[in-house]
Structure formats: C-alpha cells, structure tokens
C-alpha cells in the first residue's frame, strides 16, 4: 500500500467543513474555524438539537450561509454523507476512530480530536483506511502549535541544541471536578478511569516532542515500559464532594493517579512521558528537549546553551524570540492570543490546517503521527499489566 506521508492535499479555494460534536470543545473549535479565511462550515451535527442549533446560529452570525443541521443518534452519519471536503470530529474519545474511518471511506478528509485511537487495532484501522482511500486523517494536536513548542522546534532544526538525546513530556492537569460533573465530559471521561490503567491521554505532551525528534522522518519509536502509581486522588475527591447516595460512590477506579512511561527510539533517544489528572497541582506538560549543545525546558520556559552565560544558570529567552519565533506566531500571534483558545494555539492549528488544504500542501501531521502518538495509551496498559515489561511499538509506517 502506498504511504500517505507527505502526500499533499488537493487544492481547495474554499474548504467545506462539517462539524461533528458541537458541545464545549466542538463549539470552541467552530469559532476558530470561522475566523479562518477560505472556510465554509456547511454542516453541523450533534446528538442534542440545542447544541447543533447553537452551532448553526454561530455560523450564520459569522456571515455564512445556514449550514445543514443534523441531530439525534444518526446525525454523524448524515453529516458524513453530505457534500464536504473535511469532517471535523470533536466528540467523545470512543467515537473518534469510527467517525474518522467512516469519513475517509465516504471520500472526505478527517480531522479528529485527541486521542485519535484507543486501541492498537484502531490505530491500524486509521492507517489502513487512510492508505486505501487516499484521504488524510489529521489528529488535532493543538499543543504542536503552542508558541514555545514551535520556537523550540525551529531551534532543533537549526542544530542549536546539538544532537538530541533525551526528552520529557506530560499531561498534568487537575480535572477532578470535570471528571465528576453530571454534564459535558463528565458524562464519559471518567469511565476510562474505571476500565483502564495506563496513560489515558498521551498526545498533548508527546506530539511536540515527537516532532522535535523527527519521529517518522529519521527516527522512530522502538519500545516502551510503563508504571502506574496507586489510585487515591480521584476516589478521595469523590468521597469529599459527591453525596453518599450517589452511584458514583460505587465506582472502583483502576487507573493509577500518576502514570510514568519510558520510551526509547530506534536511534537510542529516551523520552519520559507522564499522565496525571487527579492530583492537586498546577497544569504543565514538562516539555524538555536535551541535546549535546543545550537544553530547552518549559514551565516556565528557559534555555541552557553550552558555553553561553553562567554555567549553572538558565538563560532568559527574551533575546532569542526574534530569531527563533515561528513565522505563524510572528504573523498571527496577536490575532491568535486575542481569540484566546488555549493561549492562541487553537487558532494557529486551525489556520495552518486550512492553509495546507487551500494551498495543496501535505498536512503537518498525518495518519502515522495520529497512530504513533495515540499508541502509548494501549501500550502503557499492556506494560503496566505485565509489571512494567517492555512492549514494542508497532511499525505503522512499515518502514
């Protein structure tokens, strides 16, 4: 089967988009899409009629023609079968792969929220469907478009940090109250904590690191080991905040509070990957890139270059911004920050996706990235269940 790596989009003067999932995340992304030139949102779908109608009203308020509106349990299928160039999927995790596969089989490109897949079988299903249909499947990993990640990637590509040897990344985000809500993501996002034990959400941290390490373009993931701590945080928070007669009190959470995975690449680089959404601490993604000439570390962002400045102190990045800031942020940063979606990276991500489709360029992230970055979820579960035994990465690129 021919690869989809570096395969360009066909050119679209106007990109016709259908949005599946018009709730919190979907509605936010709709606003970012409507702010991009060359976008026509021609269809919206949601199980809930009120969510779909609110999205349709936003499209009309942006000066576009009224979109087709689909509601109910089959809304997603009806949307996919309508005339579109791109199906944009912002729904619960378990639906990501089925909807993306159906979109590609219907001749549409698919853009899907993270993670793209929950099992290795789903990862392969995405890859094989993309190759067979010659349609792209892009995982909407917004963290790859954050300011410091993009700046660091440019430094790496220019050799500023030397030969890369190690990276660290994470998704650490206190979501206890969200997980226990009786609406929105609280209706489904807690269930994986009941059913699974591993890294439930690997892509936010791993995606930017994988791009810096050129995974798929010179290096590849080889194998990983994973270990989970005991579970305590979510159940303790539930017991303090949920009424004693709530059915939630009967839930037994399998997922450890902190999952730590170690990944090794074919070129011998190492990656620390963490996941913790149930302990009280500030948000961070770690994001460390270390090479033979220097190291970048975020939260807060700082830089160390061998032989520059004091040998025991981090460098301020202010003097490096002008030289290494990504042009997308130079040209669009003010607009992106005013929009506010995750500090602006949501707008940059959507702008860039539309730009590649309008100009007939390859997407920045392809189906192999979606599979590679999603796979540590099920692989970590395998390793944890085997007392942290090493598990091999599938060769999704067959290279």
Protein backbone atom coordinates (compact mmCIF):
# COMPACT_ATOMS: atom_id res chain seq x y z
CA UNK A 1 0.00 0.00 0.00
CA UNK A 2 1.34 3.46 -0.88
CA UNK A 3 2.23 5.75 2.00
CA UNK A 4 0.23 8.84 2.93
CA UNK A 5 3.33 10.53 4.35
CA UNK A 6 4.00 13.87 2.63
CA UNK A 7 1.06 13.37 0.28
CA UNK A 8 -0.36 16.84 -0.50
CA UNK A 9 -3.98 17.82 -0.24
CA UNK A 10 -5.79 18.64 -3.43
CA UNK A 11 -6.21 22.42 -3.63
CA UNK A 12 -9.42 23.94 -2.29
CA UNK A 13 -10.23 27.60 -2.82
CA UNK A 14 -12.87 27.17 -0.12
CA UNK A 15 -12.74 24.29 2.33
CA UNK A 16 -16.21 22.87 3.03
CA UNK A 17 -16.27 21.64 6.63
CA UNK A 18 -18.76 19.55 8.55
CA UNK A 19 -18.51 19.60 12.35
CA UNK A 20 -19.49 16.54 14.37
CA UNK A 21 -19.87 17.40 18.04
CA UNK A 22 -21.00 20.95 18.82
CA UNK A 23 -20.58 20.83 22.59
CA UNK A 24 -17.91 22.59 24.63
CA UNK A 25 -14.81 21.64 22.63
CA UNK A 26 -16.59 21.47 19.29
CA UNK A 27 -18.26 24.84 19.71
CA UNK A 28 -14.94 26.42 20.68
CA UNK A 29 -13.23 24.98 17.63
CA UNK A 30 -16.08 26.15 15.43
CA UNK A 31 -15.27 29.73 16.39
CA UNK A 32 -11.63 29.24 15.47
CA UNK A 33 -12.56 27.76 12.08
CA UNK A 34 -14.97 30.58 11.30
CA UNK A 35 -12.16 33.07 11.90
CA UNK A 36 -10.05 31.46 9.14
CA UNK A 37 -10.20 32.71 5.58
CA UNK A 38 -11.44 30.24 2.99
CA UNK A 39 -13.68 28.21 5.30
CA UNK A 40 -17.32 27.34 4.70
CA UNK A 41 -18.96 25.41 7.53
CA UNK A 42 -21.71 23.72 5.56
CA UNK A 43 -22.97 21.17 8.10
CA UNK A 44 -23.12 20.67 11.87
CA UNK A 45 -24.17 17.59 13.81
CA UNK A 46 -24.83 16.81 17.44
CA UNK A 47 -26.96 14.33 19.35
CA UNK A 48 -28.56 17.27 21.16
CA UNK A 49 -30.69 19.54 18.95
CA UNK A 50 -29.95 22.60 21.10
CA UNK A 51 -26.18 22.18 20.61
CA UNK A 52 -26.50 21.77 16.85
CA UNK A 53 -28.81 24.78 16.56
CA UNK A 54 -26.45 26.94 18.63
CA UNK A 55 -23.59 25.97 16.29
CA UNK A 56 -25.72 26.74 13.23
CA UNK A 57 -26.55 30.16 14.69
CA UNK A 58 -22.83 30.87 15.15
CA UNK A 59 -22.17 30.02 11.50
CA UNK A 60 -24.93 32.37 10.36
CA UNK A 61 -23.70 35.11 12.73
CA UNK A 62 -20.27 34.84 11.07
CA UNK A 63 -21.88 35.80 7.75
CA UNK A 64 -22.03 32.34 6.21
CA UNK A 65 -24.97 30.53 4.67
CA UNK A 66 -27.10 28.47 7.06
CA UNK A 67 -25.49 25.04 7.41
CA UNK A 68 -27.29 21.75 7.21
CA UNK A 69 -28.22 20.67 10.74
CA UNK A 70 -28.31 17.03 11.80
CA UNK A 71 -29.40 15.84 15.24
CA UNK A 72 -30.03 12.59 17.02
CA UNK A 73 -28.15 9.30 17.14
CA UNK A 74 -27.55 9.11 13.37
CA UNK A 75 -26.55 12.77 12.97
CA UNK A 76 -22.88 11.94 12.48
CA UNK A 77 -23.65 9.54 9.62
CA UNK A 78 -25.93 12.02 7.88
CA UNK A 79 -23.26 14.71 8.08
CA UNK A 80 -20.58 12.45 6.64
CA UNK A 81 -22.81 11.63 3.69
CA UNK A 82 -23.32 15.32 2.81
CA UNK A 83 -21.08 17.27 0.35
CA UNK A 84 -17.90 18.12 2.30
CA UNK A 85 -14.14 18.33 1.96
CA UNK A 86 -13.27 17.85 5.63
CA UNK A 87 -15.10 16.18 8.51
CA UNK A 88 -14.09 17.78 11.81
CA UNK A 89 -14.66 15.43 14.76
CA UNK A 90 -14.93 16.84 18.29
CA UNK A 91 -16.76 14.08 20.14
CA UNK A 92 -16.13 11.60 22.96
CA UNK A 93 -12.93 9.53 22.68
CA UNK A 94 -14.61 6.22 21.84
CA UNK A 95 -16.18 7.68 18.69
CA UNK A 96 -13.02 9.19 17.20
CA UNK A 97 -11.84 6.21 15.17
CA UNK A 98 -15.28 5.05 13.94
CA UNK A 99 -16.22 8.53 12.75
CA UNK A 100 -12.83 9.20 11.13
CA UNK A 101 -12.88 5.85 9.32
CA UNK A 102 -16.41 6.45 8.06
CA UNK A 103 -15.44 9.93 6.85
CA UNK A 104 -12.46 8.64 4.87
CA UNK A 105 -14.50 5.81 3.40
CA UNK A 106 -17.00 8.42 2.23
CA UNK A 107 -14.24 10.27 0.40
CA UNK A 108 -13.66 13.05 2.93
CA UNK A 109 -10.56 14.02 4.81
CA UNK A 110 -10.89 13.63 8.58
CA UNK A 111 -9.65 15.93 11.34
CA UNK A 112 -10.13 14.28 14.70
CA UNK A 113 -9.65 15.39 18.28
CA UNK A 114 -7.19 13.64 20.59
CA UNK A 115 -6.51 10.81 21.07
CA UNK A 116 -7.29 9.57 17.58
CA UNK A 117 -7.49 5.93 18.72
CA UNK A 118 -7.86 3.98 21.97
CA UNK A 119 -6.54 0.58 20.87
CA UNK A 120 -3.78 -0.69 18.61
CA UNK A 121 -6.46 -2.19 16.38
CA UNK A 122 -7.98 1.26 15.96
CA UNK A 123 -4.57 2.74 15.17
CA UNK A 124 -4.12 0.23 12.36
CA UNK A 125 -7.69 0.82 11.18
CA UNK A 126 -6.97 4.53 10.74
CA UNK A 127 -3.70 3.89 8.92
CA UNK A 128 -5.08 1.26 6.57
CA UNK A 129 -8.23 3.25 5.78
CA UNK A 130 -6.22 6.38 5.02
CA UNK A 131 -3.91 4.45 2.70
CA UNK A 132 -6.77 2.67 0.95
CA UNK A 133 -8.95 5.73 0.44
CA UNK A 134 -6.09 8.21 -0.15
CA UNK A 135 -7.78 10.55 2.33
CA UNK A 136 -5.89 12.19 5.17
CA UNK A 137 -6.60 11.65 8.84
CA UNK A 138 -5.20 14.53 10.90
CA UNK A 139 -5.22 14.35 14.69
CA UNK A 140 -5.96 17.82 16.04
CA UNK A 141 -2.97 18.02 18.38
CA UNK A 142 -3.09 21.71 19.27
CA UNK A 143 -0.05 21.56 21.57
CA UNK A 144 2.18 21.16 18.50
CA UNK A 145 1.20 24.74 17.66
CA UNK A 146 1.88 26.33 21.04
CA UNK A 147 4.35 29.21 21.00
CA UNK A 148 7.32 27.63 22.79
CA UNK A 149 6.96 24.23 21.16
CA UNK A 150 7.12 25.79 17.71
CA UNK A 151 10.03 28.04 18.65
CA UNK A 152 11.97 25.11 20.11
CA UNK A 153 11.33 23.00 17.01
CA UNK A 154 12.96 25.71 14.90
CA UNK A 155 15.98 25.76 17.24
CA UNK A 156 16.26 21.98 17.00
CA UNK A 157 16.06 22.00 13.21
CA UNK A 158 18.85 24.59 13.07
CA UNK A 159 21.11 22.48 15.32
CA UNK A 160 21.06 24.91 18.26
CA UNK A 161 20.71 22.08 20.79
CA UNK A 162 23.10 19.73 19.01
CA UNK A 163 22.39 16.03 18.67
CA UNK A 164 19.24 15.23 20.62
CA UNK A 165 19.48 12.52 23.27
CA UNK A 166 16.55 12.91 25.67
CA UNK A 167 13.10 14.46 26.06
CA UNK A 168 10.44 14.75 28.74
CA UNK A 169 6.75 15.45 28.32
CA UNK A 170 3.47 15.09 30.19
CA UNK A 171 -0.18 15.85 30.54
CA UNK A 172 -0.62 17.02 34.13
CA UNK A 173 -3.96 18.73 34.60
CA UNK A 174 -6.23 18.68 37.65
CA UNK A 175 -9.52 17.50 36.14
CA UNK A 176 -11.15 16.06 39.26
CA UNK A 177 -14.16 18.37 39.22
CA UNK A 178 -14.62 17.93 35.46
CA UNK A 179 -14.46 14.14 35.71
CA UNK A 180 -17.20 14.09 38.34
CA UNK A 181 -19.61 16.50 36.64
CA UNK A 182 -23.03 15.32 35.55
CA UNK A 183 -22.73 17.00 32.17
CA UNK A 184 -20.30 17.59 29.32
CA UNK A 185 -17.12 15.45 29.57
CA UNK A 186 -18.16 14.23 33.00
CA UNK A 187 -20.70 12.01 31.25
CA UNK A 188 -17.98 9.86 29.63
CA UNK A 189 -14.44 10.89 30.54
CA UNK A 190 -14.47 9.24 33.98
CA UNK A 191 -15.25 5.78 32.58
CA UNK A 192 -11.68 5.16 31.31
CA UNK A 193 -10.50 5.56 34.91
CA UNK A 194 -12.81 2.65 35.79
CA UNK A 195 -11.82 0.46 32.86
CA UNK A 196 -8.15 1.15 32.19
CA UNK A 197 -4.79 1.57 33.94
CA UNK A 198 -2.11 3.36 31.97
CA UNK A 199 -1.52 6.65 30.20
CA UNK A 200 -5.05 7.61 29.19
CA UNK A 201 -4.13 10.78 27.28
CA UNK A 202 -0.61 10.72 25.84
CA UNK A 203 -0.71 13.01 22.83
CA UNK A 204 -0.57 16.56 24.24
CA UNK A 205 2.91 16.04 25.65
CA UNK A 206 4.19 13.51 23.16
CA UNK A 207 3.20 15.21 19.90
CA UNK A 208 5.53 18.24 20.13
CA UNK A 209 8.39 16.05 21.40
CA UNK A 210 7.91 13.57 18.55
CA UNK A 211 8.11 16.41 16.04
CA UNK A 212 11.35 17.71 17.59
CA UNK A 213 12.82 14.19 17.48
CA UNK A 214 11.66 13.78 13.87
CA UNK A 215 9.73 10.61 14.60
CA UNK A 216 8.74 9.33 11.17
CA UNK A 217 11.36 11.44 9.41
CA UNK A 218 14.63 9.89 10.54
CA UNK A 219 13.79 8.24 13.83
CA UNK A 220 11.00 6.01 15.13
CA UNK A 221 9.61 4.78 18.43
CA UNK A 222 11.10 1.39 19.30
CA UNK A 223 9.71 0.17 22.65
CA UNK A 224 8.40 1.44 25.98
CA UNK A 225 7.89 0.49 29.61
CA UNK A 226 5.22 1.90 31.89
CA UNK A 227 4.36 2.03 35.59
CA UNK A 228 1.31 3.42 37.39
CA UNK A 229 1.09 4.60 40.97
CA UNK A 230 -1.73 3.52 43.24
CA UNK A 231 -5.13 5.15 42.80
CA UNK A 232 -6.10 7.61 45.51
CA UNK A 233 -6.76 11.11 44.20
CA UNK A 234 -10.00 10.66 42.27
CA UNK A 235 -11.70 8.47 44.87
CA UNK A 236 -10.65 10.79 47.72
CA UNK A 237 -12.01 13.83 45.88
CA UNK A 238 -15.22 11.98 45.06
CA UNK A 239 -15.72 10.98 48.68
CA UNK A 240 -15.34 14.62 49.78
CA UNK A 241 -17.60 16.15 47.15
CA UNK A 242 -20.18 13.60 45.99
CA UNK A 243 -23.28 12.75 48.09
CA UNK A 244 -23.12 9.43 49.90
CA UNK A 245 -26.10 8.04 47.97
CA UNK A 246 -24.67 8.83 44.53
CA UNK A 247 -23.98 5.85 42.22
CA UNK A 248 -20.51 7.34 41.72
CA UNK A 249 -19.67 6.20 45.25
CA UNK A 250 -19.80 2.61 44.00
CA UNK A 251 -17.23 3.13 41.25
CA UNK A 252 -13.81 1.50 41.59
CA UNK A 253 -11.09 3.36 39.73
CA UNK A 254 -8.41 1.19 38.17
CA UNK A 255 -6.20 3.92 36.72
CA UNK A 256 -3.31 4.98 38.94
CA UNK A 257 -3.02 8.66 39.78
CA UNK A 258 0.34 9.02 38.06
CA UNK A 259 1.46 7.00 35.09
CA UNK A 260 5.13 7.25 34.10
CA UNK A 261 6.26 5.71 30.83
CA UNK A 262 9.74 5.50 29.33
CA UNK A 263 10.03 5.36 25.56
CA UNK A 264 13.16 4.53 23.56
CA UNK A 265 13.59 5.36 19.90
CA UNK A 266 15.42 3.46 17.17
CA UNK A 267 18.27 6.00 17.39
CA UNK A 268 18.62 5.41 21.13
CA UNK A 269 16.93 8.57 22.41
CA UNK A 270 14.84 8.34 25.57
CA UNK A 271 11.54 10.01 26.45
CA UNK A 272 9.81 10.35 29.82
CA UNK A 273 6.03 10.55 29.36
CA UNK A 274 3.70 11.25 32.31
CA UNK A 275 -0.06 11.41 32.87
CA UNK A 276 -1.85 12.72 35.97
CA UNK A 277 -5.27 14.38 36.02
CA UNK A 278 -6.35 13.68 39.60
CA UNK A 279 -3.84 15.26 41.99
CA UNK A 280 -3.87 18.93 43.05
CA UNK A 281 -1.07 20.69 41.20
CA UNK A 282 -0.68 23.34 38.51
CA UNK A 283 -1.03 22.43 34.85
CA UNK A 284 2.10 21.52 32.92
CA UNK A 285 3.36 19.46 30.01
CA UNK A 286 7.03 19.37 31.14
CA UNK A 287 8.38 19.70 27.55
CA UNK A 288 12.11 19.21 27.87
CA UNK A 289 14.38 18.72 24.85
CA UNK A 290 18.03 17.90 25.64
CA UNK A 291 20.94 17.67 23.22
CA UNK A 292 24.71 17.75 23.13
CA UNK A 293 24.81 21.57 22.90
CA UNK A 294 21.95 22.61 25.12
CA UNK A 295 18.54 22.05 26.67
CA UNK A 296 15.15 23.74 26.44
CA UNK A 297 12.72 23.35 29.33
CA UNK A 298 9.24 24.77 29.77
CA UNK A 299 7.01 25.63 32.76
CA UNK A 300 8.45 28.20 32.92
CA UNK A 301 10.25 28.37 29.51
CA UNK A 302 14.03 28.59 29.76
CA UNK A 303 17.11 27.67 27.78
CA UNK A 304 20.61 26.42 28.54
CA UNK A 305 23.33 26.54 25.90
CA UNK A 306 26.75 25.06 26.46
CA UNK A 307 29.33 27.83 26.90
CA UNK A 308 26.79 30.67 26.93
CA UNK A 309 26.21 32.63 30.13
CA UNK A 310 26.85 31.29 33.62
CA UNK A 311 27.43 27.55 33.71
CA UNK A 312 24.84 26.98 36.46
CA UNK A 313 22.04 29.28 35.30
CA UNK A 314 19.27 29.10 32.73
CA UNK A 315 19.18 31.76 30.02
CA UNK A 316 16.33 34.18 29.53
CA UNK A 317 14.56 33.56 26.24
CA UNK A 318 13.65 37.17 25.53
CA UNK A 319 16.74 37.78 23.39
CA UNK A 320 16.07 34.60 21.37
CA UNK A 321 12.46 35.27 20.42
CA UNK A 322 13.11 37.47 17.41
CA UNK A 323 15.46 34.96 15.78
CA UNK A 324 13.53 31.76 16.53
CA UNK A 325 9.86 32.65 16.76
CA UNK A 326 7.83 30.66 14.23
CA UNK A 327 6.52 32.84 11.36
CA UNK A 328 2.97 31.69 12.07
CA UNK A 329 3.22 33.27 15.52
CA UNK A 330 5.01 36.34 14.16
CA UNK A 331 2.25 36.95 11.63
CA UNK A 332 -0.79 35.69 13.52
CA UNK A 333 0.18 35.78 17.18
CA UNK A 334 -1.74 38.94 18.03
CA UNK A 335 -4.93 37.60 16.45
CA UNK A 336 -4.44 34.16 18.00
CA UNK A 337 -3.90 35.46 21.52
CA UNK A 338 -6.93 37.73 21.31
CA UNK A 339 -9.06 34.75 20.34
CA UNK A 340 -7.76 33.01 23.43
CA UNK A 341 -8.22 29.33 22.56
CA UNK A 342 -5.57 27.69 24.77
CA UNK A 343 -3.41 30.79 24.55
CA UNK A 344 -3.81 31.06 20.79
CA UNK A 345 -2.61 27.65 19.70
CA UNK A 346 -6.12 26.52 18.71
CA UNK A 347 -6.37 29.28 16.12
CA UNK A 348 -2.83 28.65 14.83
CA UNK A 349 -3.61 24.94 14.45
CA UNK A 350 -6.84 25.52 12.55
CA UNK A 351 -5.36 28.28 10.41
CA UNK A 352 -2.49 26.02 9.41
CA UNK A 353 -4.78 23.08 8.60
CA UNK A 354 -6.91 25.25 6.33
CA UNK A 355 -3.78 26.78 4.77
CA UNK A 356 -2.41 23.37 3.80
CA UNK A 357 -5.74 22.39 2.23
CA UNK A 358 -6.12 25.64 0.29
CA UNK A 359 -2.52 25.65 -0.98
CA UNK A 360 -2.35 21.93 -1.77
CA UNK A 361 0.37 21.15 0.79
CA UNK A 362 0.93 17.99 2.82
CA UNK A 363 -0.58 18.21 6.31
CA UNK A 364 1.80 18.94 9.18
CA UNK A 365 0.55 15.82 10.97
CA UNK A 366 -0.57 12.71 9.10
CA UNK A 367 -2.28 9.46 9.98
CA UNK A 368 1.01 7.84 11.04
CA UNK A 369 1.53 10.58 13.62
CA UNK A 370 -2.04 10.03 14.84
CA UNK A 371 -1.28 6.34 15.33
CA UNK A 372 2.20 6.81 16.82
CA UNK A 373 1.08 9.39 19.35
CA UNK A 374 -2.10 7.52 20.33
CA UNK A 375 -0.43 4.11 20.67
CA UNK A 376 1.24 4.77 24.06
CA UNK A 377 -2.26 4.63 25.55
CA UNK A 378 -2.87 0.92 24.93
CA UNK A 379 0.84 0.07 25.04
CA UNK A 380 1.16 1.55 28.53
CA UNK A 381 -1.79 -0.56 29.65
CA UNK A 382 -0.05 -3.68 28.36
CA UNK A 383 3.18 -2.80 30.14
CA UNK A 384 1.51 -1.91 33.44
CA UNK A 385 -0.43 -5.19 33.38
CA UNK A 386 2.88 -7.08 32.89
CA UNK A 387 4.74 -5.49 35.83
CA UNK A 388 6.27 -2.83 33.59
CA UNK A 389 7.56 -5.23 30.96
CA UNK A 390 8.88 -3.71 27.74
CA UNK A 391 6.41 -3.62 24.85
CA UNK A 392 7.31 -2.96 21.22
CA UNK A 393 5.85 -0.14 19.14
CA UNK A 394 4.02 -1.25 16.00
CA UNK A 395 5.63 -0.11 12.76
CA UNK A 396 2.68 1.85 11.43
CA UNK A 397 4.78 3.31 8.61
CA UNK A 398 6.03 -0.16 7.58
CA UNK A 399 9.44 1.40 7.05
